[in-house]
Amino acid sequence: MAKKPPWSQVKLRVEWGHIPEFGDELVMVSTGRRYQVIGVSGKTLHCLVLPADAPTEPGTVVHPWMWTPRRR
Protein backbone atom coordinates (compact mmCIF):
# COMPACT_ATOMS: atom_id res chain seq x y z
CA MET A 1 0.00 0.00 0.00
CA ALA A 2 1.37 3.42 -0.97
CA LYS A 3 1.84 6.10 1.65
CA LYS A 4 -0.80 8.80 1.75
CA PRO A 5 0.47 12.32 1.02
CA PRO A 6 0.52 15.03 3.72
CA TRP A 7 -2.88 16.40 4.76
CA SER A 8 -4.67 13.20 3.67
CA GLN A 9 -7.16 11.60 6.05
CA VAL A 10 -6.44 8.07 7.27
CA LYS A 11 -7.94 5.66 9.79
CA LEU A 12 -5.80 3.95 12.42
CA ARG A 13 -6.96 1.43 15.00
CA VAL A 14 -5.84 1.06 18.59
CA GLU A 15 -4.84 -2.57 19.17
CA TRP A 16 -3.84 -2.16 22.82
CA GLY A 17 -3.10 0.59 25.33
CA HIS A 18 -4.40 4.13 25.80
CA ILE A 19 -6.77 5.62 23.20
CA PRO A 20 -5.47 9.06 22.15
CA GLU A 21 -7.81 12.04 22.31
CA PHE A 22 -8.84 14.60 19.70
CA GLY A 23 -5.89 16.87 18.86
CA ASP A 24 -3.20 14.46 20.07
CA GLU A 25 -0.31 13.65 17.75
CA LEU A 26 0.95 10.16 16.90
CA VAL A 27 4.54 9.55 15.78
CA MET A 28 5.47 6.25 14.14
CA VAL A 29 8.44 4.87 16.08
CA SER A 30 10.01 3.20 13.03
CA THR A 31 9.62 5.99 10.43
CA GLY A 32 8.97 9.25 12.27
CA ARG A 33 5.77 9.77 10.22
CA ARG A 34 3.28 11.96 12.10
CA TYR A 35 -0.50 11.93 12.38
CA GLN A 36 -2.92 14.26 14.17
CA VAL A 37 -6.09 12.78 15.65
CA ILE A 38 -9.16 14.58 14.27
CA GLY A 39 -11.79 12.10 15.44
CA VAL A 40 -12.22 9.11 17.75
CA SER A 41 -14.86 6.42 17.33
CA GLY A 42 -14.33 3.56 19.77
CA LYS A 43 -10.89 2.16 18.90
CA THR A 44 -10.81 3.79 15.46
CA LEU A 45 -8.83 7.00 15.08
CA HIS A 46 -9.51 9.38 12.21
CA CYS A 47 -6.25 11.21 11.54
CA LEU A 48 -4.54 13.70 9.25
CA VAL A 49 -1.11 12.82 7.86
CA LEU A 50 1.16 15.68 8.89
CA PRO A 51 4.04 16.90 6.73
CA ALA A 52 7.48 16.30 8.20
CA ASP A 53 8.08 20.03 8.70
CA ALA A 54 4.71 20.85 10.33
CA PRO A 55 5.22 22.43 13.76
CA THR A 56 3.79 20.78 16.86
CA GLU A 57 1.59 23.18 18.83
CA PRO A 58 2.72 23.81 22.41
CA GLY A 59 0.78 21.64 24.84
CA THR A 60 -0.02 18.95 22.25
CA VAL A 61 0.24 15.43 23.66
CA VAL A 62 2.56 13.32 21.46
CA HIS A 63 2.28 9.52 21.56
CA PRO A 64 4.81 7.05 20.12
CA TRP A 65 2.94 4.73 17.73
CA MET A 66 3.73 1.28 16.30
CA TRP A 67 2.16 -0.82 13.57
CA THR A 68 0.62 -4.15 14.54
CA PRO A 69 0.00 -6.84 11.92
CA ARG A 70 -3.67 -7.06 10.94
CA ARG A 71 -5.43 -10.27 12.01
CA ARG A 72 -8.26 -11.32 9.74
PDB file of N, CA and C in Angstrom:
ATOM      1  N   MET A   1       0.844  -1.181   0.000  1.00  0.00           N
ATOM      2  CA  MET A   1       0.000   0.000   0.000  1.00  0.00           C
ATOM      3  C   MET A   1       0.889   1.243   0.000  1.00  0.00           C
ATOM      4  N   ALA A   2       0.588   2.185  -0.870  1.00  0.00           N
ATOM      5  CA  ALA A   2       1.367   3.416  -0.975  1.00  0.00           C
ATOM      6  C   ALA A   2       1.044   4.343   0.193  1.00  0.00           C
ATOM      7  N   LYS A   3       2.055   5.129   0.577  1.00  0.00           N
ATOM      8  CA  LYS A   3       1.838   6.100   1.648  1.00  0.00           C
ATOM      9  C   LYS A   3       0.915   7.209   1.161  1.00  0.00           C
ATOM     10  N   LYS A   4       0.071   7.670   2.056  1.00  0.00           N
ATOM     11  CA  LYS A   4      -0.800   8.798   1.754  1.00  0.00           C
ATOM     12  C   LYS A   4       0.028  10.085   1.831  1.00  0.00           C
ATOM     13  N   PRO A   5      -0.272  11.057   0.973  1.00  0.00           N
ATOM     14  CA  PRO A   5       0.468  12.320   1.022  1.00  0.00           C
ATOM     15  C   PRO A   5       0.054  13.158   2.244  1.00  0.00           C
ATOM     16  N   PRO A   6       0.876  14.153   2.594  1.00  0.00           N
ATOM     17  CA  PRO A   6       0.515  15.028   3.717  1.00  0.00           C
ATOM     18  C   PRO A   6      -0.862  15.647   3.526  1.00  0.00           C
ATOM     19  N   TRP A   7      -1.545  15.825   4.638  1.00  0.00           N
ATOM     20  CA  TRP A   7      -2.883  16.397   4.763  1.00  0.00           C
ATOM     21  C   TRP A   7      -3.984  15.447   4.309  1.00  0.00           C
ATOM     22  N   SER A   8      -3.643  14.195   3.980  1.00  0.00           N
ATOM     23  CA  SER A   8      -4.669  13.196   3.670  1.00  0.00           C
ATOM     24  C   SER A   8      -5.278  12.681   4.969  1.00  0.00           C
ATOM     25  N   GLN A   9      -6.530  12.215   4.890  1.00  0.00           N
ATOM     26  CA  GLN A   9      -7.157  11.596   6.050  1.00  0.00           C
ATOM     27  C   GLN A   9      -6.934  10.091   5.992  1.00  0.00           C
ATOM     28  N   VAL A  10      -6.638   9.510   7.146  1.00  0.00           N
ATOM     29  CA  VAL A  10      -6.436   8.073   7.270  1.00  0.00           C
ATOM     30  C   VAL A  10      -7.156   7.580   8.522  1.00  0.00           C
ATOM     31  N   LYS A  11      -7.382   6.278   8.582  1.00  0.00           N
ATOM     32  CA  LYS A  11      -7.936   5.658   9.785  1.00  0.00           C
ATOM     33  C   LYS A  11      -6.881   4.735  10.377  1.00  0.00           C
ATOM     34  N   LEU A  12      -6.690   4.839  11.678  1.00  0.00           N
ATOM     35  CA  LEU A  12      -5.802   3.950  12.423  1.00  0.00           C
ATOM     36  C   LEU A  12      -6.629   3.302  13.517  1.00  0.00           C
ATOM     37  N   ARG A  13      -6.209   2.137  13.956  1.00  0.00           N
ATOM     38  CA  ARG A  13      -6.957   1.425  14.995  1.00  0.00           C
ATOM     39  C   ARG A  13      -6.048   1.147  16.175  1.00  0.00           C
ATOM     40  N   VAL A  14      -6.586   1.343  17.363  1.00  0.00           N
ATOM     41  CA  VAL A  14      -5.842   1.058  18.595  1.00  0.00           C
ATOM     42  C   VAL A  14      -5.979  -0.432  18.880  1.00  0.00           C
ATOM     43  N   GLU A  15      -4.860  -1.126  18.885  1.00  0.00           N
ATOM     44  CA  GLU A  15      -4.843  -2.567  19.167  1.00  0.00           C
ATOM     45  C   GLU A  15      -4.783  -2.818  20.677  1.00  0.00           C
ATOM     46  N   TRP A  16      -3.967  -2.027  21.373  1.00  0.00           N
ATOM     47  CA  TRP A  16      -3.837  -2.156  22.819  1.00  0.00           C
ATOM     48  C   TRP A  16      -3.369  -0.820  23.382  1.00  0.00           C
ATOM     49  N   GLY A  17      -3.582  -0.614  24.654  1.00  0.00           N
ATOM     50  CA  GLY A  17      -3.105   0.590  25.325  1.00  0.00           C
ATOM     51  C   GLY A  17      -4.106   1.728  25.323  1.00  0.00           C
ATOM     52  N   HIS A  18      -3.612   2.898  25.642  1.00  0.00           N
ATOM     53  CA  HIS A  18      -4.396   4.125  25.799  1.00  0.00           C
ATOM     54  C   HIS A  18      -4.945   4.589  24.439  1.00  0.00           C
ATOM     55  N   ILE A  19      -6.181   5.054  24.412  1.00  0.00           N
ATOM     56  CA  ILE A  19      -6.773   5.617  23.197  1.00  0.00           C
ATOM     57  C   ILE A  19      -6.504   7.121  23.206  1.00  0.00           C
ATOM     58  N   PRO A  20      -5.756   7.623  22.215  1.00  0.00           N
ATOM     59  CA  PRO A  20      -5.466   9.059  22.151  1.00  0.00           C
ATOM     60  C   PRO A  20      -6.743   9.879  22.002  1.00  0.00           C
ATOM     61  N   GLU A  21      -6.662  11.139  22.378  1.00  0.00           N
ATOM     62  CA  GLU A  21      -7.808  12.041  22.308  1.00  0.00           C
ATOM     63  C   GLU A  21      -7.698  12.961  21.097  1.00  0.00           C
ATOM     64  N   PHE A  22      -8.802  13.628  20.780  1.00  0.00           N
ATOM     65  CA  PHE A  22      -8.845  14.600  19.695  1.00  0.00           C
ATOM     66  C   PHE A  22      -7.718  15.621  19.880  1.00  0.00           C
ATOM     67  N   GLY A  23      -6.970  15.882  18.812  1.00  0.00           N
ATOM     68  CA  GLY A  23      -5.893  16.867  18.863  1.00  0.00           C
ATOM     69  C   GLY A  23      -4.534  16.293  19.209  1.00  0.00           C
ATOM     70  N   ASP A  24      -4.484  15.074  19.752  1.00  0.00           N
ATOM     71  CA  ASP A  24      -3.201  14.456  20.070  1.00  0.00           C
ATOM     72  C   ASP A  24      -2.449  14.142  18.778  1.00  0.00           C
ATOM     73  N   GLU A  25      -1.147  13.978  18.893  1.00  0.00           N
ATOM     74  CA  GLU A  25      -0.314  13.647  17.749  1.00  0.00           C
ATOM     75  C   GLU A  25       0.282  12.263  17.955  1.00  0.00           C
ATOM     76  N   LEU A  26       0.348  11.489  16.879  1.00  0.00           N
ATOM     77  CA  LEU A  26       0.952  10.164  16.895  1.00  0.00           C
ATOM     78  C   LEU A  26       2.209  10.208  16.044  1.00  0.00           C
ATOM     79  N   VAL A  27       3.290   9.606  16.531  1.00  0.00           N
ATOM     80  CA  VAL A  27       4.544   9.549  15.782  1.00  0.00           C
ATOM     81  C   VAL A  27       4.936   8.088  15.650  1.00  0.00           C
ATOM     82  N   MET A  28       5.055   7.623  14.392  1.00  0.00           N
ATOM     83  CA  MET A  28       5.470   6.247  14.143  1.00  0.00           C
ATOM     84  C   MET A  28       6.911   6.072  14.611  1.00  0.00           C
ATOM     85  N   VAL A  29       7.124   5.112  15.491  1.00  0.00           N
ATOM     86  CA  VAL A  29       8.440   4.873  16.077  1.00  0.00           C
ATOM     87  C   VAL A  29       9.449   4.515  14.988  1.00  0.00           C
ATOM     88  N   SER A  30       9.059   3.697  14.024  1.00  0.00           N
ATOM     89  CA  SER A  30      10.011   3.197  13.027  1.00  0.00           C
ATOM     90  C   SER A  30      10.344   4.211  11.932  1.00  0.00           C
ATOM     91  N   THR A  31       9.410   5.098  11.586  1.00  0.00           N
ATOM     92  CA  THR A  31       9.619   5.987  10.432  1.00  0.00           C
ATOM     93  C   THR A  31       9.637   7.467  10.780  1.00  0.00           C
ATOM     94  N   GLY A  32       9.078   7.848  11.911  1.00  0.00           N
ATOM     95  CA  GLY A  32       8.971   9.255  12.273  1.00  0.00           C
ATOM     96  C   GLY A  32       7.765   9.942  11.630  1.00  0.00           C
ATOM     97  N   ARG A  33       6.971   9.209  10.866  1.00  0.00           N
ATOM     98  CA  ARG A  33       5.772   9.767  10.220  1.00  0.00           C
ATOM     99  C   ARG A  33       4.794  10.215  11.304  1.00  0.00           C
ATOM    100  N   ARG A  34       4.125  11.352  11.072  1.00  0.00           N
ATOM    101  CA  ARG A  34       3.281  11.955  12.101  1.00  0.00           C
ATOM    102  C   ARG A  34       1.829  12.038  11.652  1.00  0.00           C
ATOM    103  N   TYR A  35       0.940  11.857  12.618  1.00  0.00           N
ATOM    104  CA  TYR A  35      -0.498  11.927  12.382  1.00  0.00           C
ATOM    105  C   TYR A  35      -1.129  12.761  13.492  1.00  0.00           C
ATOM    106  N   GLN A  36      -2.166  13.528  13.148  1.00  0.00           N
ATOM    107  CA  GLN A  36      -2.916  14.256  14.169  1.00  0.00           C
ATOM    108  C   GLN A  36      -4.318  13.677  14.232  1.00  0.00           C
ATOM    109  N   VAL A  37      -4.768  13.364  15.441  1.00  0.00           N
ATOM    110  CA  VAL A  37      -6.088  12.778  15.649  1.00  0.00           C
ATOM    111  C   VAL A  37      -7.149  13.865  15.454  1.00  0.00           C
ATOM    112  N   ILE A  38      -8.084  13.613  14.516  1.00  0.00           N
ATOM    113  CA  ILE A  38      -9.165  14.579  14.266  1.00  0.00           C
ATOM    114  C   ILE A  38     -10.529  13.985  14.597  1.00  0.00           C
ATOM    115  N   GLY A  39     -10.540  12.730  15.039  1.00  0.00           N
ATOM    116  CA  GLY A  39     -11.788  12.101  15.435  1.00  0.00           C
ATOM    117  C   GLY A  39     -11.520  10.760  16.084  1.00  0.00           C
ATOM    118  N   VAL A  40     -12.355  10.380  17.048  1.00  0.00           N
ATOM    119  CA  VAL A  40     -12.216   9.110  17.746  1.00  0.00           C
ATOM    120  C   VAL A  40     -13.577   8.441  17.771  1.00  0.00           C
ATOM    121  N   SER A  41     -13.621   7.198  17.317  1.00  0.00           N
ATOM    122  CA  SER A  41     -14.855   6.418  17.331  1.00  0.00           C
ATOM    123  C   SER A  41     -14.517   5.034  17.864  1.00  0.00           C
ATOM    124  N   GLY A  42     -14.720   4.822  19.155  1.00  0.00           N
ATOM    125  CA  GLY A  42     -14.329   3.558  19.767  1.00  0.00           C
ATOM    126  C   GLY A  42     -12.816   3.427  19.729  1.00  0.00           C
ATOM    127  N   LYS A  43     -12.333   2.369  19.048  1.00  0.00           N
ATOM    128  CA  LYS A  43     -10.892   2.158  18.904  1.00  0.00           C
ATOM    129  C   LYS A  43     -10.362   2.665  17.565  1.00  0.00           C
ATOM    130  N   THR A  44     -11.224   3.264  16.761  1.00  0.00           N
ATOM    131  CA  THR A  44     -10.813   3.787  15.461  1.00  0.00           C
ATOM    132  C   THR A  44     -10.458   5.267  15.588  1.00  0.00           C
ATOM    133  N   LEU A  45      -9.288   5.617  15.064  1.00  0.00           N
ATOM    134  CA  LEU A  45      -8.829   7.002  15.085  1.00  0.00           C
ATOM    135  C   LEU A  45      -8.876   7.550  13.666  1.00  0.00           C
ATOM    136  N   HIS A  46      -9.511   8.676  13.481  1.00  0.00           N
ATOM    137  CA  HIS A  46      -9.505   9.381  12.207  1.00  0.00           C
ATOM    138  C   HIS A  46      -8.399  10.421  12.333  1.00  0.00           C
ATOM    139  N   CYS A  47      -7.447  10.385  11.406  1.00  0.00           N
ATOM    140  CA  CYS A  47      -6.249  11.212  11.538  1.00  0.00           C
ATOM    141  C   CYS A  47      -5.913  11.933  10.242  1.00  0.00           C
ATOM    142  N   LEU A  48      -5.143  13.007  10.382  1.00  0.00           N
ATOM    143  CA  LEU A  48      -4.536  13.699   9.252  1.00  0.00           C
ATOM    144  C   LEU A  48      -3.065  13.328   9.213  1.00  0.00           C
ATOM    145  N   VAL A  49      -2.548  13.033   8.028  1.00  0.00           N
ATOM    146  CA  VAL A  49      -1.115  12.815   7.859  1.00  0.00           C
ATOM    147  C   VAL A  49      -0.463  14.191   7.884  1.00  0.00           C
ATOM    148  N   LEU A  50       0.484  14.391   8.779  1.00  0.00           N
ATOM    149  CA  LEU A  50       1.162  15.682   8.888  1.00  0.00           C
ATOM    150  C   LEU A  50       2.440  15.679   8.059  1.00  0.00           C
ATOM    151  N   PRO A  51       2.755  16.815   7.425  1.00  0.00           N
ATOM    152  CA  PRO A  51       4.043  16.903   6.727  1.00  0.00           C
ATOM    153  C   PRO A  51       5.183  16.872   7.749  1.00  0.00           C
ATOM    154  N   ALA A  52       6.331  16.439   7.299  1.00  0.00           N
ATOM    155  CA  ALA A  52       7.478  16.301   8.205  1.00  0.00           C
ATOM    156  C   ALA A  52       7.862  17.627   8.856  1.00  0.00           C
ATOM    157  N   ASP A  53       7.654  18.742   8.159  1.00  0.00           N
ATOM    158  CA  ASP A  53       8.083  20.031   8.697  1.00  0.00           C
ATOM    159  C   ASP A  53       6.971  20.800   9.420  1.00  0.00           C
ATOM    160  N   ALA A  54       5.813  20.171   9.626  1.00  0.00           N
ATOM    161  CA  ALA A  54       4.714  20.845  10.331  1.00  0.00           C
ATOM    162  C   ALA A  54       5.089  21.014  11.810  1.00  0.00           C
ATOM    163  N   PRO A  55       4.884  22.213  12.353  1.00  0.00           N
ATOM    164  CA  PRO A  55       5.222  22.426  13.764  1.00  0.00           C
ATOM    165  C   PRO A  55       4.209  21.726  14.681  1.00  0.00           C
ATOM    166  N   THR A  56       4.665  21.347  15.845  1.00  0.00           N
ATOM    167  CA  THR A  56       3.786  20.779  16.862  1.00  0.00           C
ATOM    168  C   THR A  56       3.385  21.913  17.796  1.00  0.00           C
ATOM    169  N   GLU A  57       2.086  22.103  17.961  1.00  0.00           N
ATOM    170  CA  GLU A  57       1.587  23.177  18.826  1.00  0.00           C
ATOM    171  C   GLU A  57       2.017  22.928  20.272  1.00  0.00           C
ATOM    172  N   PRO A  58       2.383  23.973  20.994  1.00  0.00           N
ATOM    173  CA  PRO A  58       2.722  23.812  22.408  1.00  0.00           C
ATOM    174  C   PRO A  58       1.533  23.201  23.165  1.00  0.00           C
ATOM    175  N   GLY A  59       1.818  22.272  24.042  1.00  0.00           N
ATOM    176  CA  GLY A  59       0.780  21.643  24.840  1.00  0.00           C
ATOM    177  C   GLY A  59       0.146  20.416  24.182  1.00  0.00           C
ATOM    178  N   THR A  60       0.524  20.117  22.933  1.00  0.00           N
ATOM    179  CA  THR A  60      -0.023  18.946  22.252  1.00  0.00           C
ATOM    180  C   THR A  60       0.593  17.689  22.842  1.00  0.00           C
ATOM    181  N   VAL A  61      -0.244  16.705  23.144  1.00  0.00           N
ATOM    182  CA  VAL A  61       0.241  15.428  23.657  1.00  0.00           C
ATOM    183  C   VAL A  61       0.723  14.601  22.469  1.00  0.00           C
ATOM    184  N   VAL A  62       1.970  14.111  22.536  1.00  0.00           N
ATOM    185  CA  VAL A  62       2.557  13.318  21.457  1.00  0.00           C
ATOM    186  C   VAL A  62       2.746  11.890  21.953  1.00  0.00           C
ATOM    187  N   HIS A  63       2.192  10.930  21.195  1.00  0.00           N
ATOM    188  CA  HIS A  63       2.280   9.516  21.559  1.00  0.00           C
ATOM    189  C   HIS A  63       3.164   8.780  20.561  1.00  0.00           C
ATOM    190  N   PRO A  64       4.100   7.934  21.048  1.00  0.00           N
ATOM    191  CA  PRO A  64       4.813   7.053  20.119  1.00  0.00           C
ATOM    192  C   PRO A  64       3.819   6.009  19.605  1.00  0.00           C
ATOM    193  N   TRP A  65       3.912   5.630  18.346  1.00  0.00           N
ATOM    194  CA  TRP A  65       2.937   4.732  17.730  1.00  0.00           C
ATOM    195  C   TRP A  65       3.664   3.643  16.975  1.00  0.00           C
ATOM    196  N   MET A  66       3.120   2.411  17.003  1.00  0.00           N
ATOM    197  CA  MET A  66       3.728   1.281  16.299  1.00  0.00           C
ATOM    198  C   MET A  66       2.660   0.545  15.503  1.00  0.00           C
ATOM    199  N   TRP A  67       3.063   0.011  14.359  1.00  0.00           N
ATOM    200  CA  TRP A  67       2.162  -0.823  13.569  1.00  0.00           C
ATOM    201  C   TRP A  67       2.051  -2.195  14.188  1.00  0.00           C
ATOM    202  N   THR A  68       0.865  -2.773  14.111  1.00  0.00           N
ATOM    203  CA  THR A  68       0.621  -4.147  14.536  1.00  0.00           C
ATOM    204  C   THR A  68       0.071  -4.889  13.334  1.00  0.00           C
ATOM    205  N   PRO A  69       0.555  -6.101  13.062  1.00  0.00           N
ATOM    206  CA  PRO A  69      -0.004  -6.839  11.920  1.00  0.00           C
ATOM    207  C   PRO A  69      -1.507  -7.023  12.046  1.00  0.00           C
ATOM    208  N   ARG A  70      -2.216  -6.898  10.941  1.00  0.00           N
ATOM    209  CA  ARG A  70      -3.668  -7.063  10.944  1.00  0.00           C
ATOM    210  C   ARG A  70      -4.002  -8.545  11.008  1.00  0.00           C
ATOM    211  N   ARG A  71      -4.932  -8.881  11.889  1.00  0.00           N
ATOM    212  CA  ARG A  71      -5.427 -10.265  12.007  1.00  0.00           C
ATOM    213  C   ARG A  71      -6.800 -10.335  11.377  1.00  0.00           C
ATOM    214  N   ARG A  72      -6.942 -11.175  10.396  1.00  0.00           N
ATOM    215  CA  ARG A  72      -8.262 -11.324   9.743  1.00  0.00           C
ATOM    216  C   ARG A  72      -8.849 -12.673  10.038  1.00  0.00           C
TER     217      ARG A  72
END
